[in-house]
Amino acid sequence: MSNKKYKLGYTTGVFDLFHIGHLNLLRKAKAMCDYLIVGVSTDDLVAYKNKKAIIPFEERIEIVRSICFVDDAVAQYNMDKLEAWEKYKFDAMFVGDDWKNSPKWNQFEEQFKKINVDIVYFPYTKGTSSTLINEVLLNLRNEVLPK
């Protein structure tokens, strides 16, 4: 018998340029549930958010799938978390606290409260993000190196 708070947990992300913040989220989520499903945003979904992933979807999902804290990695085709719940029936959803009190997540909280699903916010890993890594790489690539 497990002593974890939740039986089935769910989280999502792009997981582009996989970094310690991603690993922290997955580690903390798995520590709270017996089985962790991770939705990885497809390239089309990332494009819908007016961004472009550096690493292609098939590689990103394979990276996530290989993390020891992840029991299953699935494609996330849209941002409809209720649709994901209808498919997977998780009892907790894990997300970074940078989303806490945003209108979208306040709405998710109201929806999930009605079906007894907890939303658990984890502290955002300060000082690292895929956006920051991308900016640093762009700056490095654009630097003129002395001859």
Protein backbone atom coordinates (compact mmCIF):
# COMPACT_ATOMS: atom_id res chain seq x y z
CA MET A 1 0.00 0.00 0.00
CA SER A 2 1.42 3.35 -1.03
CA ASN A 3 1.66 6.26 1.38
CA LYS A 4 1.56 8.83 -1.42
CA LYS A 5 -1.24 11.39 -1.35
CA TYR A 6 -2.49 10.72 -4.89
CA LYS A 7 -2.96 7.60 -6.96
CA LEU A 8 -2.76 9.21 -10.43
CA GLY A 9 -1.08 12.53 -11.20
CA TYR A 10 -0.87 14.59 -14.37
CA THR A 11 1.28 17.45 -15.55
CA THR A 12 2.04 19.03 -18.90
CA GLY A 13 4.67 21.10 -20.62
CA VAL A 14 6.61 21.77 -23.77
CA PHE A 15 9.80 20.37 -22.20
CA ASP A 16 11.97 22.07 -24.80
CA LEU A 17 15.68 22.28 -23.97
CA PHE A 18 15.09 20.02 -20.96
CA HIS A 19 16.54 21.63 -17.81
CA ILE A 20 16.63 21.35 -14.01
CA GLY A 21 13.30 23.16 -13.63
CA HIS A 22 11.61 20.45 -15.69
CA LEU A 23 13.33 17.74 -13.65
CA ASN A 24 12.31 19.41 -10.36
CA LEU A 25 8.65 19.51 -11.45
CA LEU A 26 8.64 15.84 -12.45
CA ARG A 27 10.51 14.74 -9.31
CA LYS A 28 8.14 16.62 -6.98
CA ALA A 29 5.06 15.41 -8.84
CA LYS A 30 6.14 11.76 -8.71
CA ALA A 31 6.89 12.10 -4.98
CA MET A 32 3.18 12.84 -4.47
CA CYS A 33 1.56 10.18 -6.68
CA ASP A 34 1.84 6.49 -7.46
CA TYR A 35 1.57 6.96 -11.22
CA LEU A 36 2.57 10.09 -13.14
CA ILE A 37 1.33 10.88 -16.65
CA VAL A 38 3.08 13.74 -18.44
CA GLY A 39 1.50 15.53 -21.38
CA VAL A 40 4.11 16.85 -23.82
CA SER A 41 2.91 19.67 -26.07
CA THR A 42 2.96 18.80 -29.77
CA ASP A 43 4.76 21.07 -32.21
CA ASP A 44 1.37 22.27 -33.51
CA LEU A 45 0.26 23.24 -30.00
CA VAL A 46 3.52 25.11 -29.38
CA ALA A 47 3.03 26.96 -32.70
CA TYR A 48 -0.51 27.86 -31.63
CA LYS A 49 1.05 29.64 -28.63
CA ASN A 50 3.15 31.66 -31.14
CA LYS A 51 6.36 29.88 -30.18
CA LYS A 52 8.57 27.31 -31.84
CA ALA A 53 10.19 24.42 -30.04
CA ILE A 54 13.90 23.95 -30.76
CA ILE A 55 13.70 20.19 -30.16
CA PRO A 56 11.10 18.33 -32.31
CA PHE A 57 8.11 16.77 -30.53
CA GLU A 58 9.17 13.14 -31.10
CA GLU A 59 12.51 13.83 -29.41
CA ARG A 60 10.99 15.85 -26.56
CA ILE A 61 8.47 13.11 -25.71
CA GLU A 62 11.21 10.46 -25.85
CA ILE A 63 13.34 12.51 -23.42
CA VAL A 64 10.40 12.89 -21.02
CA ARG A 65 9.48 9.22 -21.40
CA SER A 66 13.01 8.23 -20.32
CA ILE A 67 12.93 10.20 -17.04
CA CYS A 68 12.69 7.80 -14.10
CA PHE A 69 9.93 9.85 -12.41
CA VAL A 70 7.61 9.54 -15.44
CA ASP A 71 5.34 6.51 -15.74
CA ASP A 72 3.77 7.54 -19.05
CA ALA A 73 4.37 10.38 -21.52
CA VAL A 74 1.52 11.31 -23.85
CA ALA A 75 0.97 13.90 -26.57
CA GLN A 76 -0.81 17.07 -25.48
CA TYR A 77 -2.76 18.30 -28.51
CA ASN A 78 -4.64 21.16 -26.83
CA MET A 79 -4.81 23.17 -23.61
CA ASP A 80 -8.12 21.63 -22.48
CA LYS A 81 -7.20 20.14 -19.10
CA LEU A 82 -10.75 18.84 -18.55
CA GLU A 83 -10.54 16.85 -21.76
CA ALA A 84 -7.28 15.35 -20.44
CA TRP A 85 -9.03 14.47 -17.16
CA GLU A 86 -11.87 12.77 -19.06
CA LYS A 87 -9.28 10.62 -20.79
CA TYR A 88 -6.91 9.85 -17.88
CA LYS A 89 -9.05 10.38 -14.72
CA PHE A 90 -6.17 11.77 -12.64
CA ASP A 91 -6.83 12.92 -9.08
CA ALA A 92 -4.15 15.63 -9.04
CA MET A 93 -2.68 18.01 -11.55
CA PHE A 94 0.78 19.46 -10.93
CA VAL A 95 1.89 22.85 -12.23
CA GLY A 96 4.49 25.54 -11.56
CA ASP A 97 3.41 28.31 -9.19
CA ASP A 98 4.11 30.92 -11.87
CA TRP A 99 0.55 30.07 -13.03
CA LYS A 100 -1.06 30.45 -9.60
CA ASN A 101 -3.83 33.09 -9.46
CA SER A 102 -3.83 33.56 -13.25
CA PRO A 103 -7.34 33.81 -14.72
CA LYS A 104 -6.88 30.57 -16.69
CA TRP A 105 -5.74 28.55 -13.69
CA ASN A 106 -8.35 30.07 -11.39
CA GLN A 107 -10.90 28.75 -13.88
CA PHE A 108 -9.22 25.31 -13.91
CA GLU A 109 -9.34 25.27 -10.10
CA GLU A 110 -13.11 25.93 -10.13
CA GLN A 111 -13.69 23.22 -12.74
CA PHE A 112 -11.52 20.63 -11.00
CA LYS A 113 -12.95 21.34 -7.54
CA LYS A 114 -16.33 20.08 -8.84
CA ILE A 115 -14.80 16.71 -9.74
CA ASN A 116 -12.53 16.42 -6.66
CA VAL A 117 -9.25 16.92 -8.51
CA ASP A 118 -6.54 18.86 -6.69
CA ILE A 119 -4.27 21.33 -8.45
CA VAL A 120 -0.89 21.33 -6.75
CA TYR A 121 1.44 24.27 -7.40
CA PHE A 122 5.17 23.76 -7.06
CA PRO A 123 7.67 26.61 -6.65
CA TYR A 124 9.01 27.73 -10.01
CA THR A 125 12.75 27.00 -10.31
CA LYS A 126 14.33 30.44 -10.21
CA GLY A 127 17.04 31.35 -12.68
CA THR A 128 16.26 28.78 -15.35
CA SER A 129 13.76 28.45 -18.17
CA SER A 130 13.79 27.34 -21.78
CA THR A 131 13.13 30.96 -22.79
CA LEU A 132 16.19 32.13 -20.83
CA ILE A 133 18.34 29.34 -22.27
CA ASN A 134 17.19 30.29 -25.80
CA GLU A 135 18.10 33.95 -25.18
CA VAL A 136 21.55 33.03 -23.91
CA LEU A 137 22.15 30.75 -26.91
CA LEU A 138 21.04 33.47 -29.32
CA ASN A 139 23.37 35.98 -27.66
CA LEU A 140 26.27 33.51 -27.82
CA ARG A 141 25.61 32.76 -31.49
CA ASN A 142 25.41 36.45 -32.35
CA GLU A 143 28.59 37.36 -30.46
CA VAL A 144 31.51 38.26 -32.67
CA LEU A 145 34.44 36.23 -31.48
CA PRO A 146 37.93 37.79 -31.60
CA LYS A 147 40.28 36.32 -34.22
